[in-house]
Amino acid sequence: MIERIETGTRMSKIVKHNGVAYLCGQVGDGETVAEQTRDCLSRVEGLLETAGSSPERMLQAVIWLADMADFDEMNSVWDAWVPAGYAPARACCEARLARSDLKVEIIVTAAC
């Protein structure tokens, strides 16, 4: 069974299938990459809770940065947020994001 949560015309915020939650990409508010990452991860955590999951149950994270020069700043927030011993498989790449003010976007897959 496939369950779609907060579905709109273009996408669902969460799609659950066979005990796995797939979250849509999350961006955050703020001027710096650290502020945006903190806000983004807060949104991820809220979606994980809605899906019946948590950061400890993350399987994979894909992180897009508008500029890889922000890698260390983003990681300082990420490392403080991920529960010790529960780091997911992860990729981080540079990409042009949907708006010029965005610095980071995070996509998470987690067990429910």
PDB file of N, CA and C in Angstrom:
ATOM      1  N   MET A   1       0.836  -1.180   0.000  1.00  0.00           N
ATOM      2  CA  MET A   1       0.000   0.000   0.000  1.00  0.00           C
ATOM      3  C   MET A   1       0.881   1.243   0.000  1.00  0.00           C
ATOM      4  N   ILE A   2       0.473   2.233  -0.744  1.00  0.00           N
ATOM      5  CA  ILE A   2       1.164   3.518  -0.793  1.00  0.00           C
ATOM      6  C   ILE A   2       0.281   4.551  -0.117  1.00  0.00           C
ATOM      7  N   GLU A   3       0.874   5.295   0.822  1.00  0.00           N
ATOM      8  CA  GLU A   3       0.150   6.367   1.511  1.00  0.00           C
ATOM      9  C   GLU A   3       0.830   7.694   1.180  1.00  0.00           C
ATOM     10  N   ARG A   4       0.042   8.648   0.715  1.00  0.00           N
ATOM     11  CA  ARG A   4       0.552   9.985   0.389  1.00  0.00           C
ATOM     12  C   ARG A   4      -0.001  10.966   1.416  1.00  0.00           C
ATOM     13  N   ILE A   5       0.881  11.770   1.990  1.00  0.00           N
ATOM     14  CA  ILE A   5       0.508  12.707   3.045  1.00  0.00           C
ATOM     15  C   ILE A   5       0.802  14.125   2.575  1.00  0.00           C
ATOM     16  N   GLU A   6      -0.157  15.020   2.813  1.00  0.00           N
ATOM     17  CA  GLU A   6      -0.061  16.415   2.382  1.00  0.00           C
ATOM     18  C   GLU A   6       0.238  16.486   0.884  1.00  0.00           C
ATOM     19  N   THR A   7      -0.676  15.910   0.114  1.00  0.00           N
ATOM     20  CA  THR A   7      -0.526  15.830  -1.332  1.00  0.00           C
ATOM     21  C   THR A   7      -1.139  17.043  -2.006  1.00  0.00           C
ATOM     22  N   GLY A   8      -0.376  17.611  -2.929  1.00  0.00           N
ATOM     23  CA  GLY A   8      -0.853  18.722  -3.748  1.00  0.00           C
ATOM     24  C   GLY A   8      -0.834  18.321  -5.206  1.00  0.00           C
ATOM     25  N   THR A   9      -0.982  19.287  -6.068  1.00  0.00           N
ATOM     26  CA  THR A   9      -0.974  19.039  -7.503  1.00  0.00           C
ATOM     27  C   THR A   9       0.372  18.513  -7.977  1.00  0.00           C
ATOM     28  N   ARG A  10       1.451  19.083  -7.442  1.00  0.00           N
ATOM     29  CA  ARG A  10       2.796  18.772  -7.917  1.00  0.00           C
ATOM     30  C   ARG A  10       3.498  17.676  -7.143  1.00  0.00           C
ATOM     31  N   MET A  11       3.239  17.595  -5.843  1.00  0.00           N
ATOM     32  CA  MET A  11       3.982  16.624  -5.029  1.00  0.00           C
ATOM     33  C   MET A  11       3.278  16.352  -3.715  1.00  0.00           C
ATOM     34  N   SER A  12       3.745  15.313  -3.053  1.00  0.00           N
ATOM     35  CA  SER A  12       3.339  15.001  -1.684  1.00  0.00           C
ATOM     36  C   SER A  12       4.519  15.336  -0.781  1.00  0.00           C
ATOM     37  N   LYS A  13       4.233  15.814   0.425  1.00  0.00           N
ATOM     38  CA  LYS A  13       5.330  16.088   1.357  1.00  0.00           C
ATOM     39  C   LYS A  13       5.947  14.793   1.867  1.00  0.00           C
ATOM     40  N   ILE A  14       5.104  13.748   1.981  1.00  0.00           N
ATOM     41  CA  ILE A  14       5.572  12.439   2.445  1.00  0.00           C
ATOM     42  C   ILE A  14       4.879  11.365   1.611  1.00  0.00           C
ATOM     43  N   VAL A  15       5.646  10.375   1.203  1.00  0.00           N
ATOM     44  CA  VAL A  15       5.066   9.176   0.600  1.00  0.00           C
ATOM     45  C   VAL A  15       5.603   7.997   1.403  1.00  0.00           C
ATOM     46  N   LYS A  16       4.674   7.149   1.894  1.00  0.00           N
ATOM     47  CA  LYS A  16       5.061   5.977   2.674  1.00  0.00           C
ATOM     48  C   LYS A  16       4.736   4.724   1.876  1.00  0.00           C
ATOM     49  N   HIS A  17       5.695   3.770   1.906  1.00  0.00           N
ATOM     50  CA  HIS A  17       5.497   2.499   1.208  1.00  0.00           C
ATOM     51  C   HIS A  17       6.348   1.441   1.886  1.00  0.00           C
ATOM     52  N   ASN A  18       5.753   0.320   2.208  1.00  0.00           N
ATOM     53  CA  ASN A  18       6.473  -0.807   2.820  1.00  0.00           C
ATOM     54  C   ASN A  18       7.333  -0.390   4.013  1.00  0.00           C
ATOM     55  N   GLY A  19       6.788   0.444   4.875  1.00  0.00           N
ATOM     56  CA  GLY A  19       7.493   0.827   6.096  1.00  0.00           C
ATOM     57  C   GLY A  19       8.591   1.849   5.910  1.00  0.00           C
ATOM     58  N   VAL A  20       8.627   2.505   4.747  1.00  0.00           N
ATOM     59  CA  VAL A  20       9.636   3.532   4.477  1.00  0.00           C
ATOM     60  C   VAL A  20       8.928   4.838   4.139  1.00  0.00           C
ATOM     61  N   ALA A  21       9.419   5.936   4.713  1.00  0.00           N
ATOM     62  CA  ALA A  21       8.888   7.270   4.427  1.00  0.00           C
ATOM     63  C   ALA A  21       9.885   8.023   3.547  1.00  0.00           C
ATOM     64  N   TYR A  22       9.383   8.551   2.460  1.00  0.00           N
ATOM     65  CA  TYR A  22      10.168   9.352   1.529  1.00  0.00           C
ATOM     66  C   TYR A  22       9.690  10.792   1.679  1.00  0.00           C
ATOM     67  N   LEU A  23      10.570  11.679   2.120  1.00  0.00           N
ATOM     68  CA  LEU A  23      10.198  13.077   2.312  1.00  0.00           C
ATOM     69  C   LEU A  23      10.564  13.893   1.082  1.00  0.00           C
ATOM     70  N   CYS A  24       9.733  14.878   0.786  1.00  0.00           N
ATOM     71  CA  CYS A  24      10.099  15.797  -0.295  1.00  0.00           C
ATOM     72  C   CYS A  24      11.250  16.671   0.201  1.00  0.00           C
ATOM     73  N   GLY A  25      11.948  17.295  -0.717  1.00  0.00           N
ATOM     74  CA  GLY A  25      13.068  18.162  -0.362  1.00  0.00           C
ATOM     75  C   GLY A  25      12.612  19.304   0.534  1.00  0.00           C
ATOM     76  N   GLN A  26      13.407  19.591   1.550  1.00  0.00           N
ATOM     77  CA  GLN A  26      13.095  20.662   2.494  1.00  0.00           C
ATOM     78  C   GLN A  26      14.130  21.768   2.412  1.00  0.00           C
ATOM     79  N   VAL A  27      13.645  22.994   2.429  1.00  0.00           N
ATOM     80  CA  VAL A  27      14.506  24.166   2.481  1.00  0.00           C
ATOM     81  C   VAL A  27      14.137  24.940   3.740  1.00  0.00           C
ATOM     82  N   GLY A  28      14.972  25.901   4.114  1.00  0.00           N
ATOM     83  CA  GLY A  28      14.710  26.652   5.334  1.00  0.00           C
ATOM     84  C   GLY A  28      14.842  28.135   5.132  1.00  0.00           C
ATOM     85  N   ASP A  29      14.361  28.872   6.114  1.00  0.00           N
ATOM     86  CA  ASP A  29      14.468  30.325   6.108  1.00  0.00           C
ATOM     87  C   ASP A  29      15.755  30.745   6.811  1.00  0.00           C
ATOM     88  N   GLY A  30      16.252  31.915   6.471  1.00  0.00           N
ATOM     89  CA  GLY A  30      17.438  32.473   7.113  1.00  0.00           C
ATOM     90  C   GLY A  30      18.383  33.074   6.097  1.00  0.00           C
ATOM     91  N   GLU A  31      19.315  33.854   6.606  1.00  0.00           N
ATOM     92  CA  GLU A  31      20.293  34.518   5.742  1.00  0.00           C
ATOM     93  C   GLU A  31      21.528  33.645   5.491  1.00  0.00           C
ATOM     94  N   THR A  32      21.935  32.873   6.508  1.00  0.00           N
ATOM     95  CA  THR A  32      23.154  32.078   6.387  1.00  0.00           C
ATOM     96  C   THR A  32      22.814  30.619   6.126  1.00  0.00           C
ATOM     97  N   VAL A  33      23.800  29.869   5.676  1.00  0.00           N
ATOM     98  CA  VAL A  33      23.568  28.439   5.458  1.00  0.00           C
ATOM     99  C   VAL A  33      23.281  27.735   6.789  1.00  0.00           C
ATOM    100  N   ALA A  34      23.888  28.193   7.875  1.00  0.00           N
ATOM    101  CA  ALA A  34      23.611  27.589   9.187  1.00  0.00           C
ATOM    102  C   ALA A  34      22.158  27.820   9.587  1.00  0.00           C
ATOM    103  N   GLU A  35      21.653  29.041   9.426  1.00  0.00           N
ATOM    104  CA  GLU A  35      20.257  29.333   9.761  1.00  0.00           C
ATOM    105  C   GLU A  35      19.308  28.516   8.894  1.00  0.00           C
ATOM    106  N   GLN A  36      19.580  28.478   7.596  1.00  0.00           N
ATOM    107  CA  GLN A  36      18.724  27.720   6.697  1.00  0.00           C
ATOM    108  C   GLN A  36      18.772  26.225   7.012  1.00  0.00           C
ATOM    109  N   THR A  37      19.946  25.707   7.340  1.00  0.00           N
ATOM    110  CA  THR A  37      20.072  24.283   7.664  1.00  0.00           C
ATOM    111  C   THR A  37      19.307  23.949   8.933  1.00  0.00           C
ATOM    112  N   ARG A  38      19.429  24.782   9.972  1.00  0.00           N
ATOM    113  CA  ARG A  38      18.682  24.554  11.223  1.00  0.00           C
ATOM    114  C   ARG A  38      17.179  24.519  10.962  1.00  0.00           C
ATOM    115  N   ASP A  39      16.685  25.488  10.192  1.00  0.00           N
ATOM    116  CA  ASP A  39      15.254  25.551   9.900  1.00  0.00           C
ATOM    117  C   ASP A  39      14.820  24.356   9.053  1.00  0.00           C
ATOM    118  N   CYS A  40      15.637  24.021   8.081  1.00  0.00           N
ATOM    119  CA  CYS A  40      15.366  22.886   7.209  1.00  0.00           C
ATOM    120  C   CYS A  40      15.271  21.594   8.027  1.00  0.00           C
ATOM    121  N   LEU A  41      16.207  21.372   8.918  1.00  0.00           N
ATOM    122  CA  LEU A  41      16.206  20.151   9.731  1.00  0.00           C
ATOM    123  C   LEU A  41      15.041  20.128  10.709  1.00  0.00           C
ATOM    124  N   SER A  42      14.603  21.277  11.172  1.00  0.00           N
ATOM    125  CA  SER A  42      13.409  21.353  12.003  1.00  0.00           C
ATOM    126  C   SER A  42      12.196  20.895  11.207  1.00  0.00           C
ATOM    127  N   ARG A  43      12.118  21.293   9.945  1.00  0.00           N
ATOM    128  CA  ARG A  43      11.019  20.866   9.071  1.00  0.00           C
ATOM    129  C   ARG A  43      11.104  19.363   8.789  1.00  0.00           C
ATOM    130  N   VAL A  44      12.318  18.877   8.555  1.00  0.00           N
ATOM    131  CA  VAL A  44      12.510  17.434   8.345  1.00  0.00           C
ATOM    132  C   VAL A  44      12.028  16.668   9.565  1.00  0.00           C
ATOM    133  N   GLU A  45      12.401  17.128  10.744  1.00  0.00           N
ATOM    134  CA  GLU A  45      12.004  16.441  11.975  1.00  0.00           C
ATOM    135  C   GLU A  45      10.481  16.414  12.123  1.00  0.00           C
ATOM    136  N   GLY A  46       9.814  17.510  11.788  1.00  0.00           N
ATOM    137  CA  GLY A  46       8.359  17.551  11.844  1.00  0.00           C
ATOM    138  C   GLY A  46       7.718  16.568  10.879  1.00  0.00           C
ATOM    139  N   LEU A  47       8.258  16.478   9.661  1.00  0.00           N
ATOM    140  CA  LEU A  47       7.731  15.526   8.686  1.00  0.00           C
ATOM    141  C   LEU A  47       7.993  14.089   9.120  1.00  0.00           C
ATOM    142  N   LEU A  48       9.163  13.839   9.687  1.00  0.00           N
ATOM    143  CA  LEU A  48       9.456  12.490  10.189  1.00  0.00           C
ATOM    144  C   LEU A  48       8.455  12.098  11.267  1.00  0.00           C
ATOM    145  N   GLU A  49       8.151  13.014  12.167  1.00  0.00           N
ATOM    146  CA  GLU A  49       7.176  12.739  13.226  1.00  0.00           C
ATOM    147  C   GLU A  49       5.798  12.445  12.613  1.00  0.00           C
ATOM    148  N   THR A  50       5.398  13.246  11.639  1.00  0.00           N
ATOM    149  CA  THR A  50       4.119  13.018  10.959  1.00  0.00           C
ATOM    150  C   THR A  50       4.078  11.634  10.315  1.00  0.00           C
ATOM    151  N   ALA A  51       5.217  11.205   9.792  1.00  0.00           N
ATOM    152  CA  ALA A  51       5.300   9.903   9.122  1.00  0.00           C
ATOM    153  C   ALA A  51       5.405   8.739  10.100  1.00  0.00           C
ATOM    154  N   GLY A  52       5.540   9.036  11.392  1.00  0.00           N
ATOM    155  CA  GLY A  52       5.711   7.968  12.378  1.00  0.00           C
ATOM    156  C   GLY A  52       7.156   7.521  12.470  1.00  0.00           C
ATOM    157  N   SER A  53       8.073   8.446  12.230  1.00  0.00           N
ATOM    158  CA  SER A  53       9.497   8.133  12.249  1.00  0.00           C
ATOM    159  C   SER A  53      10.231   9.158  13.109  1.00  0.00           C
ATOM    160  N   SER A  54      11.560   9.163  12.999  1.00  0.00           N
ATOM    161  CA  SER A  54      12.383  10.082  13.785  1.00  0.00           C
ATOM    162  C   SER A  54      13.782  10.138  13.161  1.00  0.00           C
ATOM    163  N   PRO A  55      14.604  11.098  13.589  1.00  0.00           N
ATOM    164  CA  PRO A  55      15.977  11.157  13.068  1.00  0.00           C
ATOM    165  C   PRO A  55      16.768   9.864  13.298  1.00  0.00           C
ATOM    166  N   GLU A  56      16.463   9.132  14.364  1.00  0.00           N
ATOM    167  CA  GLU A  56      17.160   7.865  14.633  1.00  0.00           C
ATOM    168  C   GLU A  56      16.819   6.790  13.605  1.00  0.00           C
ATOM    169  N   ARG A  57      15.782   6.996  12.820  1.00  0.00           N
ATOM    170  CA  ARG A  57      15.342   5.995  11.858  1.00  0.00           C
ATOM    171  C   ARG A  57      15.653   6.392  10.410  1.00  0.00           C
ATOM    172  N   MET A  58      16.446   7.466  10.243  1.00  0.00           N
ATOM    173  CA  MET A  58      16.822   7.879   8.891  1.00  0.00           C
ATOM    174  C   MET A  58      17.658   6.804   8.213  1.00  0.00           C
ATOM    175  N   LEU A  59      17.367   6.573   6.955  1.00  0.00           N
ATOM    176  CA  LEU A  59      18.136   5.625   6.147  1.00  0.00           C
ATOM    177  C   LEU A  59      19.102   6.350   5.223  1.00  0.00           C
ATOM    178  N   GLN A  60      18.635   7.450   4.641  1.00  0.00           N
ATOM    179  CA  GLN A  60      19.442   8.167   3.660  1.00  0.00           C
ATOM    180  C   GLN A  60      19.103   9.650   3.695  1.00  0.00           C
ATOM    181  N   ALA A  61      20.110  10.469   3.442  1.00  0.00           N
ATOM    182  CA  ALA A  61      19.913  11.909   3.275  1.00  0.00           C
ATOM    183  C   ALA A  61      20.692  12.355   2.048  1.00  0.00           C
ATOM    184  N   VAL A  62      20.058  13.194   1.245  1.00  0.00           N
ATOM    185  CA  VAL A  62      20.714  13.817   0.105  1.00  0.00           C
ATOM    186  C   VAL A  62      20.660  15.319   0.361  1.00  0.00           C
ATOM    187  N   ILE A  63      21.822  15.941   0.371  1.00  0.00           N
ATOM    188  CA  ILE A  63      21.924  17.366   0.681  1.00  0.00           C
ATOM    189  C   ILE A  63      22.446  18.095  -0.552  1.00  0.00           C
ATOM    190  N   TRP A  64      21.712  19.131  -0.930  1.00  0.00           N
ATOM    191  CA  TRP A  64      22.126  19.981  -2.042  1.00  0.00           C
ATOM    192  C   TRP A  64      22.531  21.330  -1.481  1.00  0.00           C
ATOM    193  N   LEU A  65      23.737  21.771  -1.821  1.00  0.00           N
ATOM    194  CA  LEU A  65      24.221  23.097  -1.434  1.00  0.00           C
ATOM    195  C   LEU A  65      24.339  23.965  -2.679  1.00  0.00           C
ATOM    196  N   ALA A  66      23.947  25.217  -2.568  1.00  0.00           N
ATOM    197  CA  ALA A  66      24.108  26.145  -3.687  1.00  0.00           C
ATOM    198  C   ALA A  66      25.590  26.426  -3.934  1.00  0.00           C
ATOM    199  N   ASP A  67      26.403  26.280  -2.876  1.00  0.00           N
ATOM    200  CA  ASP A  67      27.835  26.544  -2.986  1.00  0.00           C
ATOM    201  C   ASP A  67      28.573  25.609  -2.030  1.00  0.00           C
ATOM    202  N   MET A  68      29.448  24.760  -2.560  1.00  0.00           N
ATOM    203  CA  MET A  68      30.180  23.810  -1.713  1.00  0.00           C
ATOM    204  C   MET A  68      31.106  24.514  -0.717  1.00  0.00           C
ATOM    205  N   ALA A  69      31.332  25.801  -0.892  1.00  0.00           N
ATOM    206  CA  ALA A  69      32.109  26.560   0.096  1.00  0.00           C
ATOM    207  C   ALA A  69      31.373  26.581   1.445  1.00  0.00           C
ATOM    208  N   ASP A  70      30.067  26.293   1.442  1.00  0.00           N
ATOM    209  CA  ASP A  70      29.261  26.268   2.667  1.00  0.00           C
ATOM    210  C   ASP A  70      29.233  24.891   3.340  1.00  0.00           C
ATOM    211  N   PHE A  71      29.998  23.940   2.815  1.00  0.00           N
ATOM    212  CA  PHE A  71      29.985  22.558   3.306  1.00  0.00           C
ATOM    213  C   PHE A  71      30.263  22.474   4.806  1.00  0.00           C
ATOM    214  N   ASP A  72      31.312  23.120   5.277  1.00  0.00           N
ATOM    215  CA  ASP A  72      31.677  23.032   6.698  1.00  0.00           C
ATOM    216  C   ASP A  72      30.619  23.675   7.595  1.00  0.00           C
ATOM    217  N   GLU A  73      30.084  24.811   7.173  1.00  0.00           N
ATOM    218  CA  GLU A  73      29.057  25.495   7.962  1.00  0.00           C
ATOM    219  C   GLU A  73      27.789  24.642   8.065  1.00  0.00           C
ATOM    220  N   MET A  74      27.379  24.054   6.948  1.00  0.00           N
ATOM    221  CA  MET A  74      26.206  23.169   6.962  1.00  0.00           C
ATOM    222  C   MET A  74      26.472  21.961   7.847  1.00  0.00           C
ATOM    223  N   ASN A  75      27.656  21.358   7.717  1.00  0.00           N
ATOM    224  CA  ASN A  75      28.002  20.173   8.508  1.00  0.00           C
ATOM    225  C   ASN A  75      28.015  20.456  10.006  1.00  0.00           C
ATOM    226  N   SER A  76      28.386  21.668  10.409  1.00  0.00           N
ATOM    227  CA  SER A  76      28.394  21.977  11.844  1.00  0.00           C
ATOM    228  C   SER A  76      26.988  21.880  12.423  1.00  0.00           C
ATOM    229  N   VAL A  77      25.985  22.276  11.660  1.00  0.00           N
ATOM    230  CA  VAL A  77      24.591  22.166  12.104  1.00  0.00           C
ATOM    231  C   VAL A  77      24.124  20.718  11.984  1.00  0.00           C
ATOM    232  N   TRP A  78      24.408  20.087  10.858  1.00  0.00           N
ATOM    233  CA  TRP A  78      24.015  18.697  10.620  1.00  0.00           C
ATOM    234  C   TRP A  78      24.560  17.783  11.712  1.00  0.00           C
ATOM    235  N   ASP A  79      25.864  17.901  11.998  1.00  0.00           N
ATOM    236  CA  ASP A  79      26.514  17.022  12.976  1.00  0.00           C
ATOM    237  C   ASP A  79      25.904  17.171  14.369  1.00  0.00           C
ATOM    238  N   ALA A  80      25.483  18.384  14.725  1.00  0.00           N
ATOM    239  CA  ALA A  80      24.860  18.611  16.032  1.00  0.00           C
ATOM    240  C   ALA A  80      23.432  18.063  16.073  1.00  0.00           C
ATOM    241  N   TRP A  81      22.797  17.939  14.919  1.00  0.00           N
ATOM    242  CA  TRP A  81      21.396  17.501  14.855  1.00  0.00           C
ATOM    243  C   TRP A  81      21.259  15.980  14.787  1.00  0.00           C
ATOM    244  N   VAL A  82      22.128  15.309  14.052  1.00  0.00           N
ATOM    245  CA  VAL A  82      22.007  13.855  13.878  1.00  0.00           C
ATOM    246  C   VAL A  82      22.338  13.156  15.201  1.00  0.00           C
ATOM    247  N   PRO A  83      21.431  12.297  15.678  1.00  0.00           N
ATOM    248  CA  PRO A  83      21.705  11.592  16.929  1.00  0.00           C
ATOM    249  C   PRO A  83      22.971  10.720  16.814  1.00  0.00           C
ATOM    250  N   ALA A  84      23.808  10.753  17.838  1.00  0.00           N
ATOM    251  CA  ALA A  84      25.055   9.984  17.841  1.00  0.00           C
ATOM    252  C   ALA A  84      24.770   8.514  17.571  1.00  0.00           C
ATOM    253  N   GLY A  85      25.484   7.946  16.631  1.00  0.00           N
ATOM    254  CA  GLY A  85      25.344   6.542  16.295  1.00  0.00           C
ATOM    255  C   GLY A  85      24.248   6.243  15.285  1.00  0.00           C
ATOM    256  N   TYR A  86      23.548   7.272  14.796  1.00  0.00           N
ATOM    257  CA  TYR A  86      22.417   7.057  13.884  1.00  0.00           C
ATOM    258  C   TYR A  86      22.578   7.807  12.558  1.00  0.00           C
ATOM    259  N   ALA A  87      23.798   8.056  12.149  1.00  0.00           N
ATOM    260  CA  ALA A  87      24.020   8.773  10.885  1.00  0.00           C
ATOM    261  C   ALA A  87      23.514   7.934   9.708  1.00  0.00           C
ATOM    262  N   PRO A  88      22.748   8.560   8.806  1.00  0.00           N
ATOM    263  CA  PRO A  88      22.242   7.832   7.643  1.00  0.00           C
ATOM    264  C   PRO A  88      23.302   7.758   6.553  1.00  0.00           C
ATOM    265  N   ALA A  89      23.053   6.942   5.534  1.00  0.00           N
ATOM    266  CA  ALA A  89      23.857   7.042   4.315  1.00  0.00           C
ATOM    267  C   ALA A  89      23.601   8.455   3.777  1.00  0.00           C
ATOM    268  N   ARG A  90      24.635   9.113   3.248  1.00  0.00           N
ATOM    269  CA  ARG A  90      24.456  10.510   2.895  1.00  0.00           C
ATOM    270  C   ARG A  90      25.267  10.892   1.669  1.00  0.00           C
ATOM    271  N   ALA A  91      24.709  11.795   0.882  1.00  0.00           N
ATOM    272  CA  ALA A  91      25.421  12.411  -0.237  1.00  0.00           C
ATOM    273  C   ALA A  91      25.235  13.914  -0.117  1.00  0.00           C
ATOM    274  N   CYS A  92      26.230  14.673  -0.534  1.00  0.00           N
ATOM    275  CA  CYS A  92      26.139  16.126  -0.526  1.00  0.00           C
ATOM    276  C   CYS A  92      26.773  16.635  -1.814  1.00  0.00           C
ATOM    277  N   CYS A  93      26.002  17.412  -2.564  1.00  0.00           N
ATOM    278  CA  CYS A  93      26.463  17.915  -3.857  1.00  0.00           C
ATOM    279  C   CYS A  93      26.106  19.387  -4.007  1.00  0.00           C
ATOM    280  N   GLU A  94      26.768  20.033  -4.932  1.00  0.00           N
ATOM    281  CA  GLU A  94      26.449  21.413  -5.272  1.00  0.00           C
ATOM    282  C   GLU A  94      25.448  21.418  -6.416  1.00  0.00           C
ATOM    283  N   ALA A  95      24.443  22.295  -6.305  1.00  0.00           N
ATOM    284  CA  ALA A  95      23.416  22.388  -7.345  1.00  0.00           C
ATOM    285  C   ALA A  95      22.794  23.777  -7.336  1.00  0.00           C
ATOM    286  N   ARG A  96      22.286  24.175  -8.468  1.00  0.00           N
ATOM    287  CA  ARG A  96      21.492  25.399  -8.524  1.00  0.00           C
ATOM    288  C   ARG A  96      20.134  25.056  -7.924  1.00  0.00           C
ATOM    289  N   LEU A  97      19.744  25.772  -6.878  1.00  0.00           N
ATOM    290  CA  LEU A  97      18.481  25.496  -6.201  1.00  0.00           C
ATOM    291  C   LEU A  97      17.358  26.319  -6.821  1.00  0.00           C
ATOM    292  N   ALA A  98      16.129  26.065  -6.405  1.00  0.00           N
ATOM    293  CA  ALA A  98      14.944  26.637  -7.050  1.00  0.00           C
ATOM    294  C   ALA A  98      14.874  28.166  -6.984  1.00  0.00           C
ATOM    295  N   ARG A  99      15.436  28.751  -5.931  1.00  0.00           N
ATOM    296  CA  ARG A  99      15.448  30.219  -5.796  1.00  0.00           C
ATOM    297  C   ARG A  99      16.856  30.669  -5.451  1.00  0.00           C
ATOM    298  N   SER A 100      17.200  31.869  -5.858  1.00  0.00           N
ATOM    299  CA  SER A 100      18.559  32.370  -5.651  1.00  0.00           C
ATOM    300  C   SER A 100      18.900  32.592  -4.175  1.00  0.00           C
ATOM    301  N   ASP A 101      17.890  32.758  -3.299  1.00  0.00           N
ATOM    302  CA  ASP A 101      18.162  32.974  -1.878  1.00  0.00           C
ATOM    303  C   ASP A 101      18.364  31.674  -1.103  1.00  0.00           C
ATOM    304  N   LEU A 102      18.085  30.540  -1.726  1.00  0.00           N
ATOM    305  CA  LEU A 102      18.249  29.254  -1.049  1.00  0.00           C
ATOM    306  C   LEU A 102      19.706  28.811  -1.076  1.00  0.00           C
ATOM    307  N   LYS A 103      20.166  28.296   0.059  1.00  0.00           N
ATOM    308  CA  LYS A 103      21.545  27.842   0.187  1.00  0.00           C
ATOM    309  C   LYS A 103      21.644  26.329   0.387  1.00  0.00           C
ATOM    310  N   VAL A 104      20.564  25.703   0.878  1.00  0.00           N
ATOM    311  CA  VAL A 104      20.599  24.268   1.189  1.00  0.00           C
ATOM    312  C   VAL A 104      19.208  23.652   1.011  1.00  0.00           C
ATOM    313  N   GLU A 105      19.187  22.416   0.520  1.00  0.00           N
ATOM    314  CA  GLU A 105      17.968  21.626   0.443  1.00  0.00           C
ATOM    315  C   GLU A 105      18.324  20.206   0.867  1.00  0.00           C
ATOM    316  N   ILE A 106      17.459  19.605   1.689  1.00  0.00           N
ATOM    317  CA  ILE A 106      17.734  18.276   2.221  1.00  0.00           C
ATOM    318  C   ILE A 106      16.560  17.345   1.935  1.00  0.00           C
ATOM    319  N   ILE A 107      16.879  16.151   1.416  1.00  0.00           N
ATOM    320  CA  ILE A 107      15.896  15.119   1.122  1.00  0.00           C
ATOM    321  C   ILE A 107      16.221  13.919   2.004  1.00  0.00           C
ATOM    322  N   VAL A 108      15.225  13.421   2.723  1.00  0.00           N
ATOM    323  CA  VAL A 108      15.446  12.331   3.678  1.00  0.00           C
ATOM    324  C   VAL A 108      14.517  11.156   3.370  1.00  0.00           C
ATOM    325  N   THR A 109      15.054   9.949   3.529  1.00  0.00           N
ATOM    326  CA  THR A 109      14.292   8.708   3.497  1.00  0.00           C
ATOM    327  C   THR A 109      14.500   8.047   4.854  1.00  0.00           C
ATOM    328  N   ALA A 110      13.399   7.541   5.447  1.00  0.00           N
ATOM    329  CA  ALA A 110      13.505   6.969   6.790  1.00  0.00           C
ATOM    330  C   ALA A 110      12.572   5.766   6.953  1.00  0.00           C
ATOM    331  N   ALA A 111      12.957   4.879   7.841  1.00  0.00           N
ATOM    332  CA  ALA A 111      12.084   3.765   8.220  1.00  0.00           C
ATOM    333  C   ALA A 111      10.982   4.311   9.123  1.00  0.00           C
ATOM    334  N   CYS A 112       9.799   3.722   9.002  1.00  0.00           N
ATOM    335  CA  CYS A 112       8.662   4.141   9.850  1.00  0.00           C
ATOM    336  C   CYS A 112       8.547   3.217  11.046  1.00  0.00           C
TER     337      CYS A 112
END
